């Protein structure tokens, strides 16, 4: 089994965030990839998501 690419990890994290990841795919992720890779990509996504929300709210409210 080969390690997942960066794009595959990003797709896995995004599909997990919106809740469309199947149990089979989740198991495959944990067998092939390292936990630290998924945690780092997940944290980066969360920071970008929250920053985007803060920017959007400040843009709408004019602050």
Foldseek 3Di string as FASTA:
>chain_A
DEADDLVVLLVVLVCVVVPNDDPVNVVVNPVRYDPVSNVVSNVVVVVVVVVVVVVVVCVVVVD
